[in-house]
Amino acid sequence: MDGAPVASYHLDMASGGESEVELADLIRQLREEIKAAATAGAEPGETLRFEVGPVEVEVTVAVSREAGANGKVRFWVVDAGGDSRFARSATQRITLTLHPKEVTPDGTTRSPLISGDEVDGER
């Protein structure tokens, strides 16, 4: 995405006393934010909307597995400062490129249109 505008998204993991969150929860929260922006863009009188392009999310994750033969593998997004429970060698930096699509009533998909207020630190 060289040269493309980048939406900066910061998950405040310090609130609530948790230093990590499951990757699925991060993606779910991001989906809700995009839906909220799309809803705001559909308000009467809103004349400027933006088509959502690829969303790039870069995170540091740690992998854990529940005990047992069928133990579930979980990916935890950890704070950049690190969590003492996860050794540095147990974490990986990954980049996810998501292509948001809105499902229309007839079942086809399209890129969502969004609008919203500028957020501090947004670039």
PDB file of N, CA and C in Angstrom:
ATOM      1  N   MET A   1       0.826  -1.190   0.000  1.00  0.00           N
ATOM      2  CA  MET A   1       0.000   0.000   0.000  1.00  0.00           C
ATOM      3  C   MET A   1       0.868   1.251   0.000  1.00  0.00           C
ATOM      4  N   ASP A   2       1.985   1.218  -0.669  1.00  0.00           N
ATOM      5  CA  ASP A   2       2.883   2.359  -0.717  1.00  0.00           C
ATOM      6  C   ASP A   2       2.159   3.570  -1.271  1.00  0.00           C
ATOM      7  N   GLY A   3       2.278   4.694  -0.556  1.00  0.00           N
ATOM      8  CA  GLY A   3       1.681   5.937  -1.003  1.00  0.00           C
ATOM      9  C   GLY A   3       0.205   6.062  -0.701  1.00  0.00           C
ATOM     10  N   ALA A   4      -0.444   4.994  -0.293  1.00  0.00           N
ATOM     11  CA  ALA A   4      -1.870   5.049   0.005  1.00  0.00           C
ATOM     12  C   ALA A   4      -2.089   5.632   1.389  1.00  0.00           C
ATOM     13  N   PRO A   5      -3.193   6.372   1.589  1.00  0.00           N
ATOM     14  CA  PRO A   5      -3.488   6.888   2.918  1.00  0.00           C
ATOM     15  C   PRO A   5      -3.651   5.732   3.899  1.00  0.00           C
ATOM     16  N   VAL A   6      -3.255   5.966   5.128  1.00  0.00           N
ATOM     17  CA  VAL A   6      -3.336   4.930   6.149  1.00  0.00           C
ATOM     18  C   VAL A   6      -4.215   5.425   7.276  1.00  0.00           C
ATOM     19  N   ALA A   7      -5.201   4.637   7.659  1.00  0.00           N
ATOM     20  CA  ALA A   7      -6.012   4.957   8.826  1.00  0.00           C
ATOM     21  C   ALA A   7      -5.330   4.338  10.028  1.00  0.00           C
ATOM     22  N   SER A   8      -5.026   5.157  10.996  1.00  0.00           N
ATOM     23  CA  SER A   8      -4.345   4.670  12.188  1.00  0.00           C
ATOM     24  C   SER A   8      -5.388   4.210  13.188  1.00  0.00           C
ATOM     25  N   TYR A   9      -5.238   3.015  13.694  1.00  0.00           N
ATOM     26  CA  TYR A   9      -6.197   2.454  14.640  1.00  0.00           C
ATOM     27  C   TYR A   9      -5.438   2.008  15.868  1.00  0.00           C
ATOM     28  N   HIS A  10      -5.796   2.551  17.018  1.00  0.00           N
ATOM     29  CA  HIS A  10      -5.096   2.211  18.254  1.00  0.00           C
ATOM     30  C   HIS A  10      -6.075   1.556  19.208  1.00  0.00           C
ATOM     31  N   LEU A  11      -5.747   0.380  19.653  1.00  0.00           N
ATOM     32  CA  LEU A  11      -6.552  -0.319  20.643  1.00  0.00           C
ATOM     33  C   LEU A  11      -5.944  -0.039  22.000  1.00  0.00           C
ATOM     34  N   ASP A  12      -6.705   0.596  22.877  1.00  0.00           N
ATOM     35  CA  ASP A  12      -6.207   0.919  24.209  1.00  0.00           C
ATOM     36  C   ASP A  12      -6.368  -0.295  25.102  1.00  0.00           C
ATOM     37  N   MET A  13      -5.300  -1.087  25.180  1.00  0.00           N
ATOM     38  CA  MET A  13      -5.356  -2.308  25.969  1.00  0.00           C
ATOM     39  C   MET A  13      -5.098  -2.046  27.442  1.00  0.00           C
ATOM     40  N   ALA A  14      -4.763  -0.818  27.805  1.00  0.00           N
ATOM     41  CA  ALA A  14      -4.529  -0.509  29.213  1.00  0.00           C
ATOM     42  C   ALA A  14      -5.846  -0.386  29.965  1.00  0.00           C
ATOM     43  N   SER A  15      -6.918  -0.002  29.276  1.00  0.00           N
ATOM     44  CA  SER A  15      -8.193   0.130  29.957  1.00  0.00           C
ATOM     45  C   SER A  15      -8.714  -1.248  30.320  1.00  0.00           C
ATOM     46  N   GLY A  16      -9.272  -1.358  31.491  1.00  0.00           N
ATOM     47  CA  GLY A  16      -9.801  -2.634  31.944  1.00  0.00           C
ATOM     48  C   GLY A  16      -8.744  -3.525  32.548  1.00  0.00           C
ATOM     49  N   GLY A  17      -7.514  -3.072  32.599  1.00  0.00           N
ATOM     50  CA  GLY A  17      -6.462  -3.836  33.245  1.00  0.00           C
ATOM     51  C   GLY A  17      -5.937  -5.010  32.439  1.00  0.00           C
ATOM     52  N   GLU A  18      -6.382  -5.187  31.209  1.00  0.00           N
ATOM     53  CA  GLU A  18      -5.906  -6.301  30.398  1.00  0.00           C
ATOM     54  C   GLU A  18      -4.789  -5.825  29.490  1.00  0.00           C
ATOM     55  N   SER A  19      -3.754  -6.643  29.344  1.00  0.00           N
ATOM     56  CA  SER A  19      -2.647  -6.244  28.481  1.00  0.00           C
ATOM     57  C   SER A  19      -2.666  -7.000  27.165  1.00  0.00           C
ATOM     58  N   GLU A  20      -3.644  -7.851  26.958  1.00  0.00           N
ATOM     59  CA  GLU A  20      -3.768  -8.527  25.678  1.00  0.00           C
ATOM     60  C   GLU A  20      -5.244  -8.760  25.373  1.00  0.00           C
ATOM     61  N   VAL A  21      -5.522  -8.976  24.103  1.00  0.00           N
ATOM     62  CA  VAL A  21      -6.882  -9.216  23.643  1.00  0.00           C
ATOM     63  C   VAL A  21      -6.785 -10.272  22.552  1.00  0.00           C
ATOM     64  N   GLU A  22      -7.819 -11.090  22.416  1.00  0.00           N
ATOM     65  CA  GLU A  22      -7.785 -12.100  21.353  1.00  0.00           C
ATOM     66  C   GLU A  22      -7.868 -11.417  19.995  1.00  0.00           C
ATOM     67  N   LEU A  23      -7.161 -11.972  19.033  1.00  0.00           N
ATOM     68  CA  LEU A  23      -7.139 -11.422  17.682  1.00  0.00           C
ATOM     69  C   LEU A  23      -8.555 -11.318  17.116  1.00  0.00           C
ATOM     70  N   ALA A  24      -9.385 -12.323  17.363  1.00  0.00           N
ATOM     71  CA  ALA A  24     -10.768 -12.299  16.869  1.00  0.00           C
ATOM     72  C   ALA A  24     -11.538 -11.108  17.440  1.00  0.00           C
ATOM     73  N   ASP A  25     -11.287 -10.765  18.705  1.00  0.00           N
ATOM     74  CA  ASP A  25     -11.959  -9.619  19.321  1.00  0.00           C
ATOM     75  C   ASP A  25     -11.504  -8.308  18.696  1.00  0.00           C
ATOM     76  N   LEU A  26     -10.225  -8.202  18.378  1.00  0.00           N
ATOM     77  CA  LEU A  26      -9.708  -7.003  17.728  1.00  0.00           C
ATOM     78  C   LEU A  26     -10.380  -6.812  16.372  1.00  0.00           C
ATOM     79  N   ILE A  27     -10.479  -7.879  15.598  1.00  0.00           N
ATOM     80  CA  ILE A  27     -11.101  -7.796  14.272  1.00  0.00           C
ATOM     81  C   ILE A  27     -12.590  -7.485  14.408  1.00  0.00           C
ATOM     82  N   ARG A  28     -13.253  -8.080  15.400  1.00  0.00           N
ATOM     83  CA  ARG A  28     -14.679  -7.807  15.645  1.00  0.00           C
ATOM     84  C   ARG A  28     -14.878  -6.322  15.979  1.00  0.00           C
ATOM     85  N   GLN A  29     -14.012  -5.769  16.824  1.00  0.00           N
ATOM     86  CA  GLN A  29     -14.113  -4.358  17.200  1.00  0.00           C
ATOM     87  C   GLN A  29     -13.858  -3.458  15.991  1.00  0.00           C
ATOM     88  N   LEU A  30     -12.886  -3.807  15.171  1.00  0.00           N
ATOM     89  CA  LEU A  30     -12.609  -3.045  13.957  1.00  0.00           C
ATOM     90  C   LEU A  30     -13.819  -3.073  13.020  1.00  0.00           C
ATOM     91  N   ARG A  31     -14.450  -4.235  12.884  1.00  0.00           N
ATOM     92  CA  ARG A  31     -15.651  -4.366  12.044  1.00  0.00           C
ATOM     93  C   ARG A  31     -16.759  -3.434  12.547  1.00  0.00           C
ATOM     94  N   GLU A  32     -16.945  -3.375  13.868  1.00  0.00           N
ATOM     95  CA  GLU A  32     -17.974  -2.507  14.446  1.00  0.00           C
ATOM     96  C   GLU A  32     -17.677  -1.033  14.161  1.00  0.00           C
ATOM     97  N   GLU A  33     -16.407  -0.645  14.236  1.00  0.00           N
ATOM     98  CA  GLU A  33     -16.023   0.740  13.948  1.00  0.00           C
ATOM     99  C   GLU A  33     -16.318   1.093  12.486  1.00  0.00           C
ATOM    100  N   ILE A  34     -16.021   0.181  11.570  1.00  0.00           N
ATOM    101  CA  ILE A  34     -16.289   0.431  10.148  1.00  0.00           C
ATOM    102  C   ILE A  34     -17.795   0.524   9.909  1.00  0.00           C
ATOM    103  N   LYS A  35     -18.583  -0.358  10.558  1.00  0.00           N
ATOM    104  CA  LYS A  35     -20.045  -0.297  10.411  1.00  0.00           C
ATOM    105  C   LYS A  35     -20.596   1.017  10.956  1.00  0.00           C
ATOM    106  N   ALA A  36     -20.070   1.487  12.092  1.00  0.00           N
ATOM    107  CA  ALA A  36     -20.533   2.752  12.671  1.00  0.00           C
ATOM    108  C   ALA A  36     -20.230   3.917  11.735  1.00  0.00           C
ATOM    109  N   ALA A  37     -19.058   3.905  11.118  1.00  0.00           N
ATOM    110  CA  ALA A  37     -18.702   4.967  10.174  1.00  0.00           C
ATOM    111  C   ALA A  37     -19.596   4.916   8.938  1.00  0.00           C
ATOM    112  N   ALA A  38     -19.937   3.715   8.478  1.00  0.00           N
ATOM    113  CA  ALA A  38     -20.825   3.573   7.315  1.00  0.00           C
ATOM    114  C   ALA A  38     -22.220   4.094   7.642  1.00  0.00           C
ATOM    115  N   THR A  39     -22.705   3.807   8.848  1.00  0.00           N
ATOM    116  CA  THR A  39     -24.017   4.296   9.278  1.00  0.00           C
ATOM    117  C   THR A  39     -24.019   5.818   9.330  1.00  0.00           C
ATOM    118  N   ALA A  40     -22.952   6.408   9.871  1.00  0.00           N
ATOM    119  CA  ALA A  40     -22.845   7.868   9.932  1.00  0.00           C
ATOM    120  C   ALA A  40     -22.810   8.468   8.531  1.00  0.00           C
ATOM    121  N   GLY A  41     -22.184   7.780   7.598  1.00  0.00           N
ATOM    122  CA  GLY A  41     -22.095   8.272   6.230  1.00  0.00           C
ATOM    123  C   GLY A  41     -23.423   8.257   5.500  1.00  0.00           C
ATOM    124  N   ALA A  42     -24.364   7.443   5.971  1.00  0.00           N
ATOM    125  CA  ALA A  42     -25.669   7.330   5.325  1.00  0.00           C
ATOM    126  C   ALA A  42     -26.678   8.338   5.876  1.00  0.00           C
ATOM    127  N   GLU A  43     -26.272   9.162   6.844  1.00  0.00           N
ATOM    128  CA  GLU A  43     -27.191  10.131   7.440  1.00  0.00           C
ATOM    129  C   GLU A  43     -27.608  11.179   6.417  1.00  0.00           C
ATOM    130  N   PRO A  44     -28.875  11.643   6.500  1.00  0.00           N
ATOM    131  CA  PRO A  44     -29.344  12.680   5.580  1.00  0.00           C
ATOM    132  C   PRO A  44     -28.454  13.919   5.660  1.00  0.00           C
ATOM    133  N   GLY A  45     -28.153  14.484   4.527  1.00  0.00           N
ATOM    134  CA  GLY A  45     -27.332  15.686   4.478  1.00  0.00           C
ATOM    135  C   GLY A  45     -25.840  15.415   4.370  1.00  0.00           C
ATOM    136  N   GLU A  46     -25.424  14.179   4.577  1.00  0.00           N
ATOM    137  CA  GLU A  46     -23.997  13.837   4.457  1.00  0.00           C
ATOM    138  C   GLU A  46     -23.680  13.732   2.973  1.00  0.00           C
ATOM    139  N   THR A  47     -22.891  14.670   2.468  1.00  0.00           N
ATOM    140  CA  THR A  47     -22.632  14.710   1.027  1.00  0.00           C
ATOM    141  C   THR A  47     -21.293  14.121   0.626  1.00  0.00           C
ATOM    142  N   LEU A  48     -20.416  13.883   1.589  1.00  0.00           N
ATOM    143  CA  LEU A  48     -19.107  13.332   1.261  1.00  0.00           C
ATOM    144  C   LEU A  48     -18.936  11.986   1.947  1.00  0.00           C
ATOM    145  N   ARG A  49     -18.647  10.976   1.155  1.00  0.00           N
ATOM    146  CA  ARG A  49     -18.416   9.634   1.685  1.00  0.00           C
ATOM    147  C   ARG A  49     -17.116   9.105   1.107  1.00  0.00           C
ATOM    148  N   PHE A  50     -16.549   8.128   1.797  1.00  0.00           N
ATOM    149  CA  PHE A  50     -15.305   7.517   1.355  1.00  0.00           C
ATOM    150  C   PHE A  50     -15.523   6.032   1.134  1.00  0.00           C
ATOM    151  N   GLU A  51     -14.986   5.519   0.042  1.00  0.00           N
ATOM    152  CA  GLU A  51     -15.022   4.078  -0.188  1.00  0.00           C
ATOM    153  C   GLU A  51     -13.889   3.455   0.617  1.00  0.00           C
ATOM    154  N   VAL A  52     -14.198   2.397   1.333  1.00  0.00           N
ATOM    155  CA  VAL A  52     -13.180   1.734   2.144  1.00  0.00           C
ATOM    156  C   VAL A  52     -12.311   0.871   1.247  1.00  0.00           C
ATOM    157  N   GLY A  53     -11.015   1.092   1.315  1.00  0.00           N
ATOM    158  CA  GLY A  53     -10.051   0.262   0.599  1.00  0.00           C
ATOM    159  C   GLY A  53      -9.510  -0.785   1.551  1.00  0.00           C
ATOM    160  N   PRO A  54      -8.415  -1.411   1.183  1.00  0.00           N
ATOM    161  CA  PRO A  54      -7.820  -2.405   2.080  1.00  0.00           C
ATOM    162  C   PRO A  54      -7.458  -1.782   3.429  1.00  0.00           C
ATOM    163  N   VAL A  55      -7.719  -2.510   4.490  1.00  0.00           N
ATOM    164  CA  VAL A  55      -7.381  -2.082   5.846  1.00  0.00           C
ATOM    165  C   VAL A  55      -6.221  -2.948   6.308  1.00  0.00           C
ATOM    166  N   GLU A  56      -5.103  -2.306   6.614  1.00  0.00           N
ATOM    167  CA  GLU A  56      -3.921  -3.037   7.044  1.00  0.00           C
ATOM    168  C   GLU A  56      -3.782  -2.904   8.557  1.00  0.00           C
ATOM    169  N   VAL A  57      -3.704  -4.037   9.237  1.00  0.00           N
ATOM    170  CA  VAL A  57      -3.580  -4.071  10.691  1.00  0.00           C
ATOM    171  C   VAL A  57      -2.290  -4.798  11.029  1.00  0.00           C
ATOM    172  N   GLU A  58      -1.390  -4.107  11.728  1.00  0.00           N
ATOM    173  CA  GLU A  58      -0.134  -4.733  12.140  1.00  0.00           C
ATOM    174  C   GLU A  58      -0.163  -4.888  13.657  1.00  0.00           C
ATOM    175  N   VAL A  59       0.046  -6.106  14.127  1.00  0.00           N
ATOM    176  CA  VAL A  59      -0.038  -6.396  15.558  1.00  0.00           C
ATOM    177  C   VAL A  59       1.074  -7.346  15.981  1.00  0.00           C
ATOM    178  N   THR A  60       1.351  -7.357  17.271  1.00  0.00           N
ATOM    179  CA  THR A  60       2.240  -8.355  17.851  1.00  0.00           C
ATOM    180  C   THR A  60       1.346  -9.385  18.521  1.00  0.00           C
ATOM    181  N   VAL A  61       1.533 -10.647  18.171  1.00  0.00           N
ATOM    182  CA  VAL A  61       0.684 -11.702  18.728  1.00  0.00           C
ATOM    183  C   VAL A  61       1.520 -12.739  19.466  1.00  0.00           C
ATOM    184  N   ALA A  62       0.876 -13.367  20.425  1.00  0.00           N
ATOM    185  CA  ALA A  62       1.435 -14.520  21.119  1.00  0.00           C
ATOM    186  C   ALA A  62       0.435 -15.647  20.915  1.00  0.00           C
ATOM    187  N   VAL A  63       0.922 -16.851  20.790  1.00  0.00           N
ATOM    188  CA  VAL A  63       0.057 -18.005  20.550  1.00  0.00           C
ATOM    189  C   VAL A  63       0.014 -18.842  21.818  1.00  0.00           C
ATOM    190  N   SER A  64      -1.199 -19.254  22.201  1.00  0.00           N
ATOM    191  CA  SER A  64      -1.339 -20.165  23.340  1.00  0.00           C
ATOM    192  C   SER A  64      -2.267 -21.293  22.929  1.00  0.00           C
ATOM    193  N   ARG A  65      -2.126 -22.405  23.602  1.00  0.00           N
ATOM    194  CA  ARG A  65      -2.966 -23.559  23.301  1.00  0.00           C
ATOM    195  C   ARG A  65      -3.508 -24.107  24.610  1.00  0.00           C
ATOM    196  N   GLU A  66      -4.810 -24.381  24.627  1.00  0.00           N
ATOM    197  CA  GLU A  66      -5.432 -24.958  25.810  1.00  0.00           C
ATOM    198  C   GLU A  66      -4.955 -26.393  25.968  1.00  0.00           C
ATOM    199  N   ALA A  67      -4.927 -26.870  27.199  1.00  0.00           N
ATOM    200  CA  ALA A  67      -4.481 -28.233  27.474  1.00  0.00           C
ATOM    201  C   ALA A  67      -5.434 -29.249  26.853  1.00  0.00           C
ATOM    202  N   GLY A  68      -4.912 -30.425  26.551  1.00  0.00           N
ATOM    203  CA  GLY A  68      -5.733 -31.498  25.995  1.00  0.00           C
ATOM    204  C   GLY A  68      -5.460 -31.712  24.524  1.00  0.00           C
ATOM    205  N   ALA A  69      -5.868 -32.881  24.042  1.00  0.00           N
ATOM    206  CA  ALA A  69      -5.624 -33.248  22.649  1.00  0.00           C
ATOM    207  C   ALA A  69      -6.335 -32.316  21.674  1.00  0.00           C
ATOM    208  N   ASN A  70      -7.517 -31.846  22.049  1.00  0.00           N
ATOM    209  CA  ASN A  70      -8.291 -30.971  21.171  1.00  0.00           C
ATOM    210  C   ASN A  70      -8.228 -29.523  21.638  1.00  0.00           C
ATOM    211  N   GLY A  71      -7.134 -29.159  22.302  1.00  0.00           N
ATOM    212  CA  GLY A  71      -6.998 -27.803  22.833  1.00  0.00           C
ATOM    213  C   GLY A  71      -7.062 -26.752  21.748  1.00  0.00           C
ATOM    214  N   LYS A  72      -7.816 -25.709  22.020  1.00  0.00           N
ATOM    215  CA  LYS A  72      -7.992 -24.617  21.071  1.00  0.00           C
ATOM    216  C   LYS A  72      -6.739 -23.738  21.054  1.00  0.00           C
ATOM    217  N   VAL A  73      -6.286 -23.376  19.868  1.00  0.00           N
ATOM    218  CA  VAL A  73      -5.165 -22.456  19.713  1.00  0.00           C
ATOM    219  C   VAL A  73      -5.741 -21.044  19.675  1.00  0.00           C
ATOM    220  N   ARG A  74      -5.142 -20.142  20.457  1.00  0.00           N
ATOM    221  CA  ARG A  74      -5.608 -18.758  20.498  1.00  0.00           C
ATOM    222  C   ARG A  74      -4.461 -17.821  20.144  1.00  0.00           C
ATOM    223  N   PHE A  75      -4.800 -16.778  19.422  1.00  0.00           N
ATOM    224  CA  PHE A  75      -3.842 -15.738  19.077  1.00  0.00           C
ATOM    225  C   PHE A  75      -4.186 -14.517  19.918  1.00  0.00           C
ATOM    226  N   TRP A  76      -3.240 -14.082  20.727  1.00  0.00           N
ATOM    227  CA  TRP A  76      -3.430 -12.931  21.602  1.00  0.00           C
ATOM    228  C   TRP A  76      -2.664 -11.744  21.043  1.00  0.00           C
ATOM    229  N   VAL A  77      -3.340 -10.618  20.879  1.00  0.00           N
ATOM    230  CA  VAL A  77      -2.673  -9.384  20.489  1.00  0.00           C
ATOM    231  C   VAL A  77      -2.115  -8.802  21.773  1.00  0.00           C
ATOM    232  N   VAL A  78      -0.804  -8.605  21.821  1.00  0.00           N
ATOM    233  CA  VAL A  78      -0.175  -8.114  23.045  1.00  0.00           C
ATOM    234  C   VAL A  78       0.300  -6.685  22.863  1.00  0.00           C
ATOM    235  N   ASP A  79       0.318  -5.956  23.951  1.00  0.00           N
ATOM    236  CA  ASP A  79       0.760  -4.568  23.965  1.00  0.00           C
ATOM    237  C   ASP A  79       2.200  -4.494  23.478  1.00  0.00           C
ATOM    238  N   ALA A  80       2.520  -3.437  22.758  1.00  0.00           N
ATOM    239  CA  ALA A  80       3.871  -3.279  22.215  1.00  0.00           C
ATOM    240  C   ALA A  80       4.929  -3.321  23.306  1.00  0.00           C
ATOM    241  N   GLY A  81       4.569  -2.903  24.517  1.00  0.00           N
ATOM    242  CA  GLY A  81       5.498  -2.938  25.634  1.00  0.00           C
ATOM    243  C   GLY A  81       5.762  -4.350  26.114  1.00  0.00           C
ATOM    244  N   GLY A  82       4.918  -5.266  25.700  1.00  0.00           N
ATOM    245  CA  GLY A  82       5.096  -6.663  26.066  1.00  0.00           C
ATOM    246  C   GLY A  82       4.383  -7.020  27.348  1.00  0.00           C
ATOM    247  N   ASP A  83       4.122  -8.270  27.514  1.00  0.00           N
ATOM    248  CA  ASP A  83       3.493  -8.823  28.701  1.00  0.00           C
ATOM    249  C   ASP A  83       4.486  -9.812  29.274  1.00  0.00           C
ATOM    250  N   SER A  84       4.736  -9.727  30.551  1.00  0.00           N
ATOM    251  CA  SER A  84       5.753 -10.589  31.162  1.00  0.00           C
ATOM    252  C   SER A  84       5.410 -12.067  31.036  1.00  0.00           C
ATOM    253  N   ARG A  85       4.143 -12.386  30.783  1.00  0.00           N
ATOM    254  CA  ARG A  85       3.764 -13.795  30.620  1.00  0.00           C
ATOM    255  C   ARG A  85       4.226 -14.367  29.287  1.00  0.00           C
ATOM    256  N   PHE A  86       4.507 -13.497  28.315  1.00  0.00           N
ATOM    257  CA  PHE A  86       4.930 -13.955  27.001  1.00  0.00           C
ATOM    258  C   PHE A  86       6.381 -13.550  26.785  1.00  0.00           C
ATOM    259  N   ALA A  87       7.239 -14.519  26.664  1.00  0.00           N
ATOM    260  CA  ALA A  87       8.652 -14.220  26.404  1.00  0.00           C
ATOM    261  C   ALA A  87       8.770 -13.581  25.028  1.00  0.00           C
ATOM    262  N   ARG A  88       9.776 -12.762  24.844  1.00  0.00           N
ATOM    263  CA  ARG A  88       9.977 -12.080  23.559  1.00  0.00           C
ATOM    264  C   ARG A  88      10.014 -13.075  22.405  1.00  0.00           C
ATOM    265  N   SER A  89      10.621 -14.234  22.626  1.00  0.00           N
ATOM    266  CA  SER A  89      10.716 -15.221  21.553  1.00  0.00           C
ATOM    267  C   SER A  89       9.373 -15.884  21.248  1.00  0.00           C
ATOM    268  N   ALA A  90       8.396 -15.717  22.137  1.00  0.00           N
ATOM    269  CA  ALA A  90       7.097 -16.354  21.938  1.00  0.00           C
ATOM    270  C   ALA A  90       6.123 -15.446  21.190  1.00  0.00           C
ATOM    271  N   THR A  91       6.559 -14.252  20.805  1.00  0.00           N
ATOM    272  CA  THR A  91       5.669 -13.342  20.094  1.00  0.00           C
ATOM    273  C   THR A  91       6.116 -13.188  18.644  1.00  0.00           C
ATOM    274  N   GLN A  92       5.160 -12.859  17.802  1.00  0.00           N
ATOM    275  CA  GLN A  92       5.423 -12.623  16.379  1.00  0.00           C
ATOM    276  C   GLN A  92       4.699 -11.353  15.966  1.00  0.00           C
ATOM    277  N   ARG A  93       5.308 -10.600  15.084  1.00  0.00           N
ATOM    278  CA  ARG A  93       4.667  -9.420  14.512  1.00  0.00           C
ATOM    279  C   ARG A  93       4.031  -9.866  13.200  1.00  0.00           C
ATOM    280  N   ILE A  94       2.728  -9.635  13.063  1.00  0.00           N
ATOM    281  CA  ILE A  94       2.035 -10.020  11.832  1.00  0.00           C
ATOM    282  C   ILE A  94       1.281  -8.824  11.262  1.00  0.00           C
ATOM    283  N   THR A  95       1.068  -8.860   9.964  1.00  0.00           N
ATOM    284  CA  THR A  95       0.276  -7.847   9.282  1.00  0.00           C
ATOM    285  C   THR A  95      -0.884  -8.548   8.588  1.00  0.00           C
ATOM    286  N   LEU A  96      -2.088  -8.088   8.880  1.00  0.00           N
ATOM    287  CA  LEU A  96      -3.289  -8.603   8.224  1.00  0.00           C
ATOM    288  C   LEU A  96      -3.778  -7.534   7.260  1.00  0.00           C
ATOM    289  N   THR A  97      -4.061  -7.916   6.032  1.00  0.00           N
ATOM    290  CA  THR A  97      -4.668  -6.994   5.082  1.00  0.00           C
ATOM    291  C   THR A  97      -6.098  -7.459   4.866  1.00  0.00           C
ATOM    292  N   LEU A  98      -7.033  -6.643   5.337  1.00  0.00           N
ATOM    293  CA  LEU A  98      -8.456  -6.972   5.271  1.00  0.00           C
ATOM    294  C   LEU A  98      -9.108  -6.137   4.173  1.00  0.00           C
ATOM    295  N   HIS A  99     -10.011  -6.744   3.435  1.00  0.00           N
ATOM    296  CA  HIS A  99     -10.733  -6.057   2.368  1.00  0.00           C
ATOM    297  C   HIS A  99     -12.215  -6.036   2.751  1.00  0.00           C
ATOM    298  N   PRO A 100     -12.655  -5.004   3.482  1.00  0.00           N
ATOM    299  CA  PRO A 100     -14.049  -4.958   3.932  1.00  0.00           C
ATOM    300  C   PRO A 100     -15.018  -4.953   2.758  1.00  0.00           C
ATOM    301  N   LYS A 101     -16.059  -5.747   2.872  1.00  0.00           N
ATOM    302  CA  LYS A 101     -17.120  -5.799   1.870  1.00  0.00           C
ATOM    303  C   LYS A 101     -18.457  -5.747   2.593  1.00  0.00           C
ATOM    304  N   GLU A 102     -19.375  -5.022   2.021  1.00  0.00           N
ATOM    305  CA  GLU A 102     -20.729  -4.918   2.547  1.00  0.00           C
ATOM    306  C   GLU A 102     -21.611  -5.863   1.729  1.00  0.00           C
ATOM    307  N   VAL A 103     -22.414  -6.665   2.405  1.00  0.00           N
ATOM    308  CA  VAL A 103     -23.327  -7.571   1.713  1.00  0.00           C
ATOM    309  C   VAL A 103     -24.643  -6.822   1.503  1.00  0.00           C
ATOM    310  N   THR A 104     -25.067  -6.711   0.247  1.00  0.00           N
ATOM    311  CA  THR A 104     -26.302  -6.007  -0.087  1.00  0.00           C
ATOM    312  C   THR A 104     -27.492  -6.949   0.097  1.00  0.00           C
ATOM    313  N   PRO A 105     -28.718  -6.403   0.128  1.00  0.00           N
ATOM    314  CA  PRO A 105     -29.900  -7.264   0.308  1.00  0.00           C
ATOM    315  C   PRO A 105     -30.029  -8.375  -0.737  1.00  0.00           C
ATOM    316  N   ASP A 106     -29.502  -8.156  -1.961  1.00  0.00           N
ATOM    317  CA  ASP A 106     -29.606  -9.205  -2.986  1.00  0.00           C
ATOM    318  C   ASP A 106     -28.455 -10.214  -2.911  1.00  0.00           C
ATOM    319  N   GLY A 107     -27.573 -10.066  -1.896  1.00  0.00           N
ATOM    320  CA  GLY A 107     -26.506 -11.045  -1.688  1.00  0.00           C
ATOM    321  C   GLY A 107     -25.186 -10.717  -2.360  1.00  0.00           C
ATOM    322  N   THR A 108     -25.149  -9.647  -3.149  1.00  0.00           N
ATOM    323  CA  THR A 108     -23.881  -9.257  -3.762  1.00  0.00           C
ATOM    324  C   THR A 108     -23.058  -8.461  -2.745  1.00  0.00           C
ATOM    325  N   THR A 109     -21.793  -8.242  -3.056  1.00  0.00           N
ATOM    326  CA  THR A 109     -20.949  -7.469  -2.144  1.00  0.00           C
ATOM    327  C   THR A 109     -20.430  -6.223  -2.839  1.00  0.00           C
ATOM    328  N   ARG A 110     -20.106  -5.228  -2.019  1.00  0.00           N
ATOM    329  CA  ARG A 110     -19.523  -3.985  -2.520  1.00  0.00           C
ATOM    330  C   ARG A 110     -18.668  -3.387  -1.405  1.00  0.00           C
ATOM    331  N   SER A 111     -17.781  -2.481  -1.778  1.00  0.00           N
ATOM    332  CA  SER A 111     -16.980  -1.784  -0.775  1.00  0.00           C
ATOM    333  C   SER A 111     -17.884  -0.820  -0.022  1.00  0.00           C
ATOM    334  N   PRO A 112     -17.796  -0.794   1.310  1.00  0.00           N
ATOM    335  CA  PRO A 112     -18.653   0.121   2.072  1.00  0.00           C
ATOM    336  C   PRO A 112     -18.211   1.568   1.892  1.00  0.00           C
ATOM    337  N   LEU A 113     -19.157   2.477   2.055  1.00  0.00           N
ATOM    338  CA  LEU A 113     -18.876   3.907   2.034  1.00  0.00           C
ATOM    339  C   LEU A 113     -18.966   4.398   3.468  1.00  0.00           C
ATOM    340  N   ILE A 114     -18.002   5.203   3.885  1.00  0.00           N
ATOM    341  CA  ILE A 114     -17.986   5.676   5.268  1.00  0.00           C
ATOM    342  C   ILE A 114     -17.759   7.172   5.329  1.00  0.00           C
ATOM    343  N   SER A 115     -18.067   7.735   6.477  1.00  0.00           N
ATOM    344  CA  SER A 115     -17.699   9.109   6.803  1.00  0.00           C
ATOM    345  C   SER A 115     -17.574   9.162   8.312  1.00  0.00           C
ATOM    346  N   GLY A 116     -17.039  10.222   8.801  1.00  0.00           N
ATOM    347  CA  GLY A 116     -16.910  10.353  10.245  1.00  0.00           C
ATOM    348  C   GLY A 116     -15.998  11.497  10.599  1.00  0.00           C
ATOM    349  N   ASP A 117     -15.888  11.750  11.895  1.00  0.00           N
ATOM    350  CA  ASP A 117     -15.038  12.821  12.390  1.00  0.00           C
ATOM    351  C   ASP A 117     -13.592  12.360  12.448  1.00  0.00           C
ATOM    352  N   GLU A 118     -12.688  13.314  12.290  1.00  0.00           N
ATOM    353  CA  GLU A 118     -11.261  13.015  12.406  1.00  0.00           C
ATOM    354  C   GLU A 118     -10.939  12.680  13.858  1.00  0.00           C
ATOM    355  N   VAL A 119     -10.092  11.690  14.048  1.00  0.00           N
ATOM    356  CA  VAL A 119      -9.684  11.245  15.373  1.00  0.00           C
ATOM    357  C   VAL A 119      -8.278  11.757  15.639  1.00  0.00           C
ATOM    358  N   ASP A 120      -8.012  12.191  16.884  1.00  0.00           N
ATOM    359  CA  ASP A 120      -6.663  12.644  17.236  1.00  0.00           C
ATOM    360  C   ASP A 120      -5.642  11.584  16.877  1.00  0.00           C
ATOM    361  N   GLY A 121      -4.558  11.994  16.248  1.00  0.00           N
ATOM    362  CA  GLY A 121      -3.496  11.066  15.874  1.00  0.00           C
ATOM    363  C   GLY A 121      -3.744  10.345  14.566  1.00  0.00           C
ATOM    364  N   GLU A 122      -4.891  10.583  13.933  1.00  0.00           N
ATOM    365  CA  GLU A 122      -5.197   9.923  12.661  1.00  0.00           C
ATOM    366  C   GLU A 122      -4.258  10.457  11.593  1.00  0.00           C
ATOM    367  N   ARG A 123      -3.814   9.555  10.748  1.00  0.00           N
ATOM    368  CA  ARG A 123      -2.951   9.987   9.650  1.00  0.00           C
ATOM    369  C   ARG A 123      -3.413   9.375   8.369  1.00  0.00           C
TER     370      ARG A 123
END
